[in-house]
């Protein structure tokens, strides 16, 4: 069964099982300066294949060690699915990074 993707404009609020294939344009950390720079969230700027942009955030709680972004197997699976994509980088020490471009 092939994966089906939707555009950002077609996503609706609420619970759903839709998947949007996007590029990460930018991301930045939101930190609480009153608590010694404690990480509150990661804010994201995304773009889809129709050049529509979207934004979102991931709270610090979701970035815990149980989150799949910290799962080494998930990062290697992503690299295996897209071996020629220079935007996907997997480091030897188990630290992963997904770099976005504004192309």
PDB file of N, CA and C in Angstrom:
ATOM      1  N   UNK A   1       0.836  -1.179   0.000  1.00  0.00           N
ATOM      2  CA  UNK A   1       0.000   0.000   0.000  1.00  0.00           C
ATOM      3  C   UNK A   1       0.879   1.240   0.000  1.00  0.00           C
ATOM      4  N   UNK A   2       0.626   2.156  -0.894  1.00  0.00           N
ATOM      5  CA  UNK A   2       1.426   3.377  -1.001  1.00  0.00           C
ATOM      6  C   UNK A   2       1.000   4.388   0.056  1.00  0.00           C
ATOM      7  N   UNK A   3       1.974   5.155   0.515  1.00  0.00           N
ATOM      8  CA  UNK A   3       1.663   6.229   1.450  1.00  0.00           C
ATOM      9  C   UNK A   3       0.952   7.342   0.702  1.00  0.00           C
ATOM     10  N   UNK A   4      -0.069   7.916   1.323  1.00  0.00           N
ATOM     11  CA  UNK A   4      -0.742   9.053   0.702  1.00  0.00           C
ATOM     12  C   UNK A   4      -0.463  10.297   1.535  1.00  0.00           C
ATOM     13  N   UNK A   5      -0.217  11.387   0.836  1.00  0.00           N
ATOM     14  CA  UNK A   5       0.107  12.648   1.481  1.00  0.00           C
ATOM     15  C   UNK A   5      -0.909  13.690   1.064  1.00  0.00           C
ATOM     16  N   UNK A   6      -1.081  14.674   1.910  1.00  0.00           N
ATOM     17  CA  UNK A   6      -1.965  15.789   1.603  1.00  0.00           C
ATOM     18  C   UNK A   6      -1.173  17.086   1.685  1.00  0.00           C
ATOM     19  N   UNK A   7      -1.691  18.132   1.098  1.00  0.00           N
ATOM     20  CA  UNK A   7      -1.049  19.442   1.169  1.00  0.00           C
ATOM     21  C   UNK A   7      -1.419  20.119   2.482  1.00  0.00           C
ATOM     22  N   UNK A   8      -0.612  21.084   2.898  1.00  0.00           N
ATOM     23  CA  UNK A   8      -0.880  21.796   4.146  1.00  0.00           C
ATOM     24  C   UNK A   8      -2.259  22.450   4.141  1.00  0.00           C
ATOM     25  N   UNK A   9      -2.661  23.003   3.002  1.00  0.00           N
ATOM     26  CA  UNK A   9      -3.951  23.692   2.918  1.00  0.00           C
ATOM     27  C   UNK A   9      -5.130  22.751   3.144  1.00  0.00           C
ATOM     28  N   UNK A  10      -4.939  21.460   2.927  1.00  0.00           N
ATOM     29  CA  UNK A  10      -6.022  20.490   3.077  1.00  0.00           C
ATOM     30  C   UNK A  10      -6.109  19.894   4.471  1.00  0.00           C
ATOM     31  N   UNK A  11      -5.166  20.208   5.340  1.00  0.00           N
ATOM     32  CA  UNK A  11      -5.220  19.705   6.709  1.00  0.00           C
ATOM     33  C   UNK A  11      -6.276  20.471   7.487  1.00  0.00           C
ATOM     34  N   UNK A  12      -6.969  19.785   8.374  1.00  0.00           N
ATOM     35  CA  UNK A  12      -8.003  20.405   9.199  1.00  0.00           C
ATOM     36  C   UNK A  12      -7.643  20.243  10.670  1.00  0.00           C
ATOM     37  N   UNK A  13      -8.145  21.153  11.471  1.00  0.00           N
ATOM     38  CA  UNK A  13      -7.896  21.094  12.915  1.00  0.00           C
ATOM     39  C   UNK A  13      -8.601  19.883  13.515  1.00  0.00           C
ATOM     40  N   UNK A  14      -8.071  19.394  14.604  1.00  0.00           N
ATOM     41  CA  UNK A  14      -8.674  18.265  15.295  1.00  0.00           C
ATOM     42  C   UNK A  14      -7.906  16.987  15.047  1.00  0.00           C
ATOM     43  N   UNK A  15      -8.425  15.922  15.609  1.00  0.00           N
ATOM     44  CA  UNK A  15      -7.770  14.622  15.462  1.00  0.00           C
ATOM     45  C   UNK A  15      -7.945  14.104  14.037  1.00  0.00           C
ATOM     46  N   UNK A  16      -6.856  13.646  13.454  1.00  0.00           N
ATOM     47  CA  UNK A  16      -6.923  13.080  12.118  1.00  0.00           C
ATOM     48  C   UNK A  16      -5.707  12.187  11.912  1.00  0.00           C
ATOM     49  N   UNK A  17      -5.718  11.461  10.830  1.00  0.00           N
ATOM     50  CA  UNK A  17      -4.585  10.589  10.522  1.00  0.00           C
ATOM     51  C   UNK A  17      -3.913  11.008   9.218  1.00  0.00           C
ATOM     52  N   UNK A  18      -4.111  12.247   8.809  1.00  0.00           N
ATOM     53  CA  UNK A  18      -3.492  12.739   7.581  1.00  0.00           C
ATOM     54  C   UNK A  18      -1.998  12.946   7.766  1.00  0.00           C
ATOM     55  N   UNK A  19      -1.266  12.785   6.687  1.00  0.00           N
ATOM     56  CA  UNK A  19       0.169  13.031   6.679  1.00  0.00           C
ATOM     57  C   UNK A  19       0.467  14.056   5.600  1.00  0.00           C
ATOM     58  N   UNK A  20       1.231  15.061   5.954  1.00  0.00           N
ATOM     59  CA  UNK A  20       1.648  16.071   4.983  1.00  0.00           C
ATOM     60  C   UNK A  20       3.150  15.942   4.790  1.00  0.00           C
ATOM     61  N   UNK A  21       3.582  15.902   3.545  1.00  0.00           N
ATOM     62  CA  UNK A  21       5.017  15.854   3.251  1.00  0.00           C
ATOM     63  C   UNK A  21       5.488  17.286   3.045  1.00  0.00           C
ATOM     64  N   UNK A  22       6.393  17.727   3.907  1.00  0.00           N
ATOM     65  CA  UNK A  22       6.840  19.119   3.905  1.00  0.00           C
ATOM     66  C   UNK A  22       8.354  19.195   4.022  1.00  0.00           C
ATOM     67  N   UNK A  23       8.880  20.374   3.738  1.00  0.00           N
ATOM     68  CA  UNK A  23      10.288  20.683   3.999  1.00  0.00           C
ATOM     69  C   UNK A  23      10.336  21.630   5.180  1.00  0.00           C
ATOM     70  N   UNK A  24      11.352  21.449   5.963  1.00  0.00           N
ATOM     71  CA  UNK A  24      11.571  22.321   7.108  1.00  0.00           C
ATOM     72  C   UNK A  24      12.368  23.531   6.646  1.00  0.00           C
ATOM     73  N   UNK A  25      11.749  24.714   6.705  1.00  0.00           N
ATOM     74  CA  UNK A  25      12.440  25.937   6.296  1.00  0.00           C
ATOM     75  C   UNK A  25      13.335  26.447   7.415  1.00  0.00           C
ATOM     76  N   UNK A  26      12.761  26.594   8.587  1.00  0.00           N
ATOM     77  CA  UNK A  26      13.492  27.117   9.737  1.00  0.00           C
ATOM     78  C   UNK A  26      12.937  26.488  11.004  1.00  0.00           C
ATOM     79  N   UNK A  27      13.778  26.421  12.025  1.00  0.00           N
ATOM     80  CA  UNK A  27      13.280  26.083  13.349  1.00  0.00           C
ATOM     81  C   UNK A  27      14.102  26.839  14.370  1.00  0.00           C
ATOM     82  N   UNK A  28      13.510  27.115  15.496  1.00  0.00           N
ATOM     83  CA  UNK A  28      14.213  27.819  16.566  1.00  0.00           C
ATOM     84  C   UNK A  28      13.646  27.355  17.896  1.00  0.00           C
ATOM     85  N   UNK A  29      14.469  27.511  18.922  1.00  0.00           N
ATOM     86  CA  UNK A  29      14.094  27.096  20.265  1.00  0.00           C
ATOM     87  C   UNK A  29      13.442  28.259  20.998  1.00  0.00           C
ATOM     88  N   UNK A  30      12.354  27.975  21.692  1.00  0.00           N
ATOM     89  CA  UNK A  30      11.731  28.956  22.578  1.00  0.00           C
ATOM     90  C   UNK A  30      12.169  28.604  23.997  1.00  0.00           C
ATOM     91  N   UNK A  31      12.874  29.521  24.625  1.00  0.00           N
ATOM     92  CA  UNK A  31      13.415  29.273  25.968  1.00  0.00           C
ATOM     93  C   UNK A  31      12.844  30.265  26.967  1.00  0.00           C
ATOM     94  N   UNK A  32      12.709  29.819  28.209  1.00  0.00           N
ATOM     95  CA  UNK A  32      12.214  30.649  29.299  1.00  0.00           C
ATOM     96  C   UNK A  32      13.400  31.311  29.982  1.00  0.00           C
ATOM     97  N   UNK A  33      13.591  32.600  29.731  1.00  0.00           N
ATOM     98  CA  UNK A  33      14.748  33.292  30.305  1.00  0.00           C
ATOM     99  C   UNK A  33      14.613  33.461  31.811  1.00  0.00           C
ATOM    100  N   UNK A  34      13.379  33.378  32.335  1.00  0.00           N
ATOM    101  CA  UNK A  34      13.178  33.488  33.780  1.00  0.00           C
ATOM    102  C   UNK A  34      13.527  32.200  34.515  1.00  0.00           C
ATOM    103  N   UNK A  35      13.720  31.120  33.794  1.00  0.00           N
ATOM    104  CA  UNK A  35      14.078  29.832  34.403  1.00  0.00           C
ATOM    105  C   UNK A  35      15.416  29.347  33.869  1.00  0.00           C
ATOM    106  N   UNK A  36      16.350  30.260  33.734  1.00  0.00           N
ATOM    107  CA  UNK A  36      17.701  29.892  33.319  1.00  0.00           C
ATOM    108  C   UNK A  36      17.816  29.384  31.899  1.00  0.00           C
ATOM    109  N   UNK A  37      16.926  29.816  31.024  1.00  0.00           N
ATOM    110  CA  UNK A  37      16.990  29.384  29.632  1.00  0.00           C
ATOM    111  C   UNK A  37      16.398  28.009  29.390  1.00  0.00           C
ATOM    112  N   UNK A  38      15.518  27.554  30.285  1.00  0.00           N
ATOM    113  CA  UNK A  38      14.887  26.236  30.146  1.00  0.00           C
ATOM    114  C   UNK A  38      14.116  26.152  28.827  1.00  0.00           C
ATOM    115  N   UNK A  39      14.300  25.047  28.101  1.00  0.00           N
ATOM    116  CA  UNK A  39      13.627  24.842  26.817  1.00  0.00           C
ATOM    117  C   UNK A  39      12.130  24.668  27.036  1.00  0.00           C
ATOM    118  N   UNK A  40      11.335  25.485  26.353  1.00  0.00           N
ATOM    119  CA  UNK A  40       9.878  25.365  26.430  1.00  0.00           C
ATOM    120  C   UNK A  40       9.329  24.624  25.214  1.00  0.00           C
ATOM    121  N   UNK A  41       9.870  24.945  24.022  1.00  0.00           N
ATOM    122  CA  UNK A  41       9.375  24.309  22.803  1.00  0.00           C
ATOM    123  C   UNK A  41      10.335  24.567  21.651  1.00  0.00           C
ATOM    124  N   UNK A  42      10.083  23.871  20.554  1.00  0.00           N
ATOM    125  CA  UNK A  42      10.757  24.109  19.282  1.00  0.00           C
ATOM    126  C   UNK A  42       9.678  24.618  18.333  1.00  0.00           C
ATOM    127  N   UNK A  43       9.910  25.762  17.728  1.00  0.00           N
ATOM    128  CA  UNK A  43       8.961  26.339  16.778  1.00  0.00           C
ATOM    129  C   UNK A  43       9.446  26.034  15.361  1.00  0.00           C
ATOM    130  N   UNK A  44       8.517  25.709  14.449  1.00  0.00           N
ATOM    131  CA  UNK A  44       8.854  25.251  13.102  1.00  0.00           C
ATOM    132  C   UNK A  44       8.184  26.108  12.036  1.00  0.00           C
ATOM    133  N   UNK A  45       8.873  26.318  10.939  1.00  0.00           N
ATOM    134  CA  UNK A  45       8.302  26.939   9.745  1.00  0.00           C
ATOM    135  C   UNK A  45       8.464  25.929   8.615  1.00  0.00           C
ATOM    136  N   UNK A  46       7.344  25.540   7.988  1.00  0.00           N
ATOM    137  CA  UNK A  46       7.317  24.455   7.003  1.00  0.00           C
ATOM    138  C   UNK A  46       6.803  24.966   5.664  1.00  0.00           C
ATOM    139  N   UNK A  47       7.128  24.231   4.587  1.00  0.00           N
ATOM    140  CA  UNK A  47       6.598  24.540   3.254  1.00  0.00           C
ATOM    141  C   UNK A  47       6.291  23.220   2.552  1.00  0.00           C
ATOM    142  N   UNK A  48       5.175  23.178   1.799  1.00  0.00           N
ATOM    143  CA  UNK A  48       4.823  21.956   1.075  1.00  0.00           C
ATOM    144  C   UNK A  48       5.141  22.108  -0.411  1.00  0.00           C
ATOM    145  N   UNK A  49       4.799  21.086  -1.197  1.00  0.00           N
ATOM    146  CA  UNK A  49       5.164  21.086  -2.619  1.00  0.00           C
ATOM    147  C   UNK A  49       4.414  22.141  -3.426  1.00  0.00           C
ATOM    148  N   UNK A  50       3.313  22.666  -2.896  1.00  0.00           N
ATOM    149  CA  UNK A  50       2.573  23.731  -3.573  1.00  0.00           C
ATOM    150  C   UNK A  50       3.018  25.106  -3.077  1.00  0.00           C
ATOM    151  N   UNK A  51       4.138  25.151  -2.387  1.00  0.00           N
ATOM    152  CA  UNK A  51       4.738  26.372  -1.847  1.00  0.00           C
ATOM    153  C   UNK A  51       3.849  27.077  -0.832  1.00  0.00           C
ATOM    154  N   UNK A  52       3.022  26.300  -0.131  1.00  0.00           N
ATOM    155  CA  UNK A  52       2.231  26.849   0.970  1.00  0.00           C
ATOM    156  C   UNK A  52       3.035  26.661   2.252  1.00  0.00           C
ATOM    157  N   UNK A  53       3.036  27.683   3.075  1.00  0.00           N
ATOM    158  CA  UNK A  53       3.786  27.591   4.323  1.00  0.00           C
ATOM    159  C   UNK A  53       2.853  27.282   5.482  1.00  0.00           C
ATOM    160  N   UNK A  54       3.421  26.704   6.498  1.00  0.00           N
ATOM    161  CA  UNK A  54       2.709  26.408   7.729  1.00  0.00           C
ATOM    162  C   UNK A  54       3.678  26.540   8.879  1.00  0.00           C
ATOM    163  N   UNK A  55       3.145  26.694  10.051  1.00  0.00           N
ATOM    164  CA  UNK A  55       4.007  26.783  11.220  1.00  0.00           C
ATOM    165  C   UNK A  55       3.443  25.896  12.306  1.00  0.00           C
ATOM    166  N   UNK A  56       4.269  25.591  13.260  1.00  0.00           N
ATOM    167  CA  UNK A  56       3.841  24.750  14.359  1.00  0.00           C
ATOM    168  C   UNK A  56       4.893  24.726  15.433  1.00  0.00           C
ATOM    169  N   UNK A  57       4.594  24.007  16.460  1.00  0.00           N
ATOM    170  CA  UNK A  57       5.535  23.904  17.556  1.00  0.00           C
ATOM    171  C   UNK A  57       5.474  22.537  18.200  1.00  0.00           C
ATOM    172  N   UNK A  58       6.555  22.180  18.843  1.00  0.00           N
ATOM    173  CA  UNK A  58       6.643  20.931  19.586  1.00  0.00           C
ATOM    174  C   UNK A  58       7.040  21.308  21.001  1.00  0.00           C
ATOM    175  N   UNK A  59       6.193  20.965  21.970  1.00  0.00           N
ATOM    176  CA  UNK A  59       6.503  21.333  23.350  1.00  0.00           C
ATOM    177  C   UNK A  59       7.674  20.507  23.867  1.00  0.00           C
ATOM    178  N   UNK A  60       8.344  21.032  24.877  1.00  0.00           N
ATOM    179  CA  UNK A  60       9.512  20.356  25.440  1.00  0.00           C
ATOM    180  C   UNK A  60       9.155  18.972  25.967  1.00  0.00           C
ATOM    181  N   UNK A  61       7.945  18.806  26.464  1.00  0.00           N
ATOM    182  CA  UNK A  61       7.522  17.497  26.972  1.00  0.00           C
ATOM    183  C   UNK A  61       7.507  16.479  25.838  1.00  0.00           C
ATOM    184  N   UNK A  62       7.069  16.886  24.648  1.00  0.00           N
ATOM    185  CA  UNK A  62       7.038  15.987  23.494  1.00  0.00           C
ATOM    186  C   UNK A  62       8.438  15.663  22.988  1.00  0.00           C
ATOM    187  N   UNK A  63       9.432  16.444  23.370  1.00  0.00           N
ATOM    188  CA  UNK A  63      10.804  16.214  22.932  1.00  0.00           C
ATOM    189  C   UNK A  63      11.567  15.324  23.898  1.00  0.00           C
ATOM    190  N   UNK A  64      10.847  14.627  24.758  1.00  0.00           N
ATOM    191  CA  UNK A  64      11.490  13.755  25.733  1.00  0.00           C
ATOM    192  C   UNK A  64      12.160  12.577  25.033  1.00  0.00           C
ATOM    193  N   UNK A  65      12.875  11.785  25.792  1.00  0.00           N
ATOM    194  CA  UNK A  65      13.620  10.658  25.214  1.00  0.00           C
ATOM    195  C   UNK A  65      12.705   9.605  24.600  1.00  0.00           C
ATOM    196  N   UNK A  66      11.416   9.607  24.943  1.00  0.00           N
ATOM    197  CA  UNK A  66      10.488   8.640  24.352  1.00  0.00           C
ATOM    198  C   UNK A  66      10.032   9.068  22.961  1.00  0.00           C
ATOM    199  N   UNK A  67      10.259  10.309  22.600  1.00  0.00           N
ATOM    200  CA  UNK A  67       9.800  10.823  21.309  1.00  0.00           C
ATOM    201  C   UNK A  67      10.600  10.182  20.184  1.00  0.00           C
ATOM    202  N   UNK A  68       9.950   9.866  19.067  1.00  0.00           N
ATOM    203  CA  UNK A  68      10.635   9.145  17.990  1.00  0.00           C
ATOM    204  C   UNK A  68      11.736   9.947  17.315  1.00  0.00           C
ATOM    205  N   UNK A  69      11.772  11.279  17.498  1.00  0.00           N
ATOM    206  CA  UNK A  69      12.878  12.054  16.927  1.00  0.00           C
ATOM    207  C   UNK A  69      14.194  11.702  17.603  1.00  0.00           C
ATOM    208  N   UNK A  70      14.112  11.153  18.810  1.00  0.00           N
ATOM    209  CA  UNK A  70      15.312  10.730  19.522  1.00  0.00           C
ATOM    210  C   UNK A  70      15.612   9.251  19.299  1.00  0.00           C
ATOM    211  N   UNK A  71      14.797   8.576  18.519  1.00  0.00           N
ATOM    212  CA  UNK A  71      14.969   7.154  18.271  1.00  0.00           C
ATOM    213  C   UNK A  71      15.925   6.962  17.091  1.00  0.00           C
ATOM    214  N   UNK A  72      17.059   6.355  17.368  1.00  0.00           N
ATOM    215  CA  UNK A  72      18.090   6.177  16.339  1.00  0.00           C
ATOM    216  C   UNK A  72      17.568   5.379  15.146  1.00  0.00           C
ATOM    217  N   UNK A  73      16.737   4.365  15.410  1.00  0.00           N
ATOM    218  CA  UNK A  73      16.197   3.548  14.321  1.00  0.00           C
ATOM    219  C   UNK A  73      15.347   4.383  13.361  1.00  0.00           C
ATOM    220  N   UNK A  74      14.584   5.329  13.900  1.00  0.00           N
ATOM    221  CA  UNK A  74      13.740   6.179  13.055  1.00  0.00           C
ATOM    222  C   UNK A  74      14.598   7.053  12.154  1.00  0.00           C
ATOM    223  N   UNK A  75      15.677   7.602  12.692  1.00  0.00           N
ATOM    224  CA  UNK A  75      16.549   8.451  11.877  1.00  0.00           C
ATOM    225  C   UNK A  75      17.203   7.651  10.755  1.00  0.00           C
ATOM    226  N   UNK A  76      17.659   6.436  11.050  1.00  0.00           N
ATOM    227  CA  UNK A  76      18.284   5.621  10.012  1.00  0.00           C
ATOM    228  C   UNK A  76      17.259   5.173   8.973  1.00  0.00           C
ATOM    229  N   UNK A  77      16.023   4.897   9.406  1.00  0.00           N
ATOM    230  CA  UNK A  77      14.969   4.530   8.462  1.00  0.00           C
ATOM    231  C   UNK A  77      14.684   5.692   7.512  1.00  0.00           C
ATOM    232  N   UNK A  78      14.639   6.911   8.048  1.00  0.00           N
ATOM    233  CA  UNK A  78      14.426   8.091   7.217  1.00  0.00           C
ATOM    234  C   UNK A  78      15.550   8.250   6.200  1.00  0.00           C
ATOM    235  N   UNK A  79      16.780   8.054   6.624  1.00  0.00           N
ATOM    236  CA  UNK A  79      17.928   8.161   5.718  1.00  0.00           C
ATOM    237  C   UNK A  79      17.879   7.062   4.656  1.00  0.00           C
ATOM    238  N   UNK A  80      17.456   5.842   5.041  1.00  0.00           N
ATOM    239  CA  UNK A  80      17.349   4.746   4.079  1.00  0.00           C
ATOM    240  C   UNK A  80      16.270   5.020   3.028  1.00  0.00           C
ATOM    241  N   UNK A  81      15.179   5.669   3.433  1.00  0.00           N
ATOM    242  CA  UNK A  81      14.103   5.984   2.495  1.00  0.00           C
ATOM    243  C   UNK A  81      14.502   7.067   1.503  1.00  0.00           C
ATOM    244  N   UNK A  82      15.396   7.966   1.929  1.00  0.00           N
ATOM    245  CA  UNK A  82      15.814   9.096   1.094  1.00  0.00           C
ATOM    246  C   UNK A  82      17.341   9.202   1.097  1.00  0.00           C
ATOM    247  N   UNK A  83      18.044   8.213   0.520  1.00  0.00           N
ATOM    248  CA  UNK A  83      19.509   8.178   0.627  1.00  0.00           C
ATOM    249  C   UNK A  83      20.226   9.330  -0.064  1.00  0.00           C
ATOM    250  N   UNK A  84      19.626   9.929  -1.073  1.00  0.00           N
ATOM    251  CA  UNK A  84      20.299  10.995  -1.820  1.00  0.00           C
ATOM    252  C   UNK A  84      19.887  12.395  -1.376  1.00  0.00           C
ATOM    253  N   UNK A  85      19.065  12.480  -0.343  1.00  0.00           N
ATOM    254  CA  UNK A  85      18.596  13.788   0.124  1.00  0.00           C
ATOM    255  C   UNK A  85      19.628  14.400   1.059  1.00  0.00           C
ATOM    256  N   UNK A  86      20.282  15.489   0.639  1.00  0.00           N
ATOM    257  CA  UNK A  86      21.315  16.104   1.476  1.00  0.00           C
ATOM    258  C   UNK A  86      20.739  16.800   2.701  1.00  0.00           C
ATOM    259  N   UNK A  87      19.409  16.936   2.764  1.00  0.00           N
ATOM    260  CA  UNK A  87      18.787  17.596   3.908  1.00  0.00           C
ATOM    261  C   UNK A  87      18.688  16.674   5.121  1.00  0.00           C
ATOM    262  N   UNK A  88      18.881  15.365   4.925  1.00  0.00           N
ATOM    263  CA  UNK A  88      18.786  14.403   6.021  1.00  0.00           C
ATOM    264  C   UNK A  88      20.189  13.970   6.398  1.00  0.00           C
ATOM    265  N   UNK A  89      20.532  14.183   7.647  1.00  0.00           N
ATOM    266  CA  UNK A  89      21.872  13.861   8.125  1.00  0.00           C
ATOM    267  C   UNK A  89      21.748  12.992   9.370  1.00  0.00           C
ATOM    268  N   UNK A  90      22.483  11.895   9.416  1.00  0.00           N
ATOM    269  CA  UNK A  90      22.529  11.045  10.604  1.00  0.00           C
ATOM    270  C   UNK A  90      23.975  10.983  11.051  1.00  0.00           C
ATOM    271  N   UNK A  91      24.221  11.383  12.290  1.00  0.00           N
ATOM    272  CA  UNK A  91      25.574  11.393  12.816  1.00  0.00           C
ATOM    273  C   UNK A  91      25.908  10.073  13.496  1.00  0.00           C
ATOM    274  N   UNK A  92      27.192   9.757  13.593  1.00  0.00           N
ATOM    275  CA  UNK A  92      27.646   8.502  14.182  1.00  0.00           C
ATOM    276  C   UNK A  92      27.325   8.382  15.664  1.00  0.00           C
ATOM    277  N   UNK A  93      27.294   9.494  16.366  1.00  0.00           N
ATOM    278  CA  UNK A  93      27.114   9.447  17.814  1.00  0.00           C
ATOM    279  C   UNK A  93      25.654   9.406  18.228  1.00  0.00           C
ATOM    280  N   UNK A  94      24.770   9.052  17.308  1.00  0.00           N
ATOM    281  CA  UNK A  94      23.364   8.913  17.640  1.00  0.00           C
ATOM    282  C   UNK A  94      22.597  10.219  17.686  1.00  0.00           C
ATOM    283  N   UNK A  95      23.201  11.292  17.223  1.00  0.00           N
ATOM    284  CA  UNK A  95      22.509  12.578  17.190  1.00  0.00           C
ATOM    285  C   UNK A  95      22.029  12.796  15.771  1.00  0.00           C
ATOM    286  N   UNK A  96      20.747  13.052  15.603  1.00  0.00           N
ATOM    287  CA  UNK A  96      20.197  13.241  14.269  1.00  0.00           C
ATOM    288  C   UNK A  96      19.811  14.674  14.026  1.00  0.00           C
ATOM    289  N   UNK A  97      19.784  15.035  12.772  1.00  0.00           N
ATOM    290  CA  UNK A  97      19.423  16.404  12.408  1.00  0.00           C
ATOM    291  C   UNK A  97      18.712  16.359  11.073  1.00  0.00           C
ATOM    292  N   UNK A  98      17.654  17.115  10.947  1.00  0.00           N
ATOM    293  CA  UNK A  98      16.962  17.278   9.675  1.00  0.00           C
ATOM    294  C   UNK A  98      17.092  18.741   9.308  1.00  0.00           C
ATOM    295  N   UNK A  99      17.852  19.013   8.261  1.00  0.00           N
ATOM    296  CA  UNK A  99      18.091  20.398   7.861  1.00  0.00           C
ATOM    297  C   UNK A  99      17.134  20.771   6.753  1.00  0.00           C
ATOM    298  N   UNK A 100      16.606  21.952   6.806  1.00  0.00           N
ATOM    299  CA  UNK A 100      15.680  22.419   5.786  1.00  0.00           C
ATOM    300  C   UNK A 100      16.325  23.452   4.893  1.00  0.00           C
ATOM    301  N   UNK A 101      15.770  23.608   3.731  1.00  0.00           N
ATOM    302  CA  UNK A 101      16.251  24.643   2.822  1.00  0.00           C
ATOM    303  C   UNK A 101      15.063  25.449   2.338  1.00  0.00           C
ATOM    304  N   UNK A 102      15.321  26.607   1.806  1.00  0.00           N
ATOM    305  CA  UNK A 102      14.233  27.460   1.326  1.00  0.00           C
ATOM    306  C   UNK A 102      14.085  27.386  -0.181  1.00  0.00           C
ATOM    307  N   UNK A 103      14.567  26.302  -0.794  1.00  0.00           N
ATOM    308  CA  UNK A 103      14.471  26.139  -2.251  1.00  0.00           C
ATOM    309  C   UNK A 103      13.040  25.909  -2.667  1.00  0.00           C
TER     310      UNK A 103
END
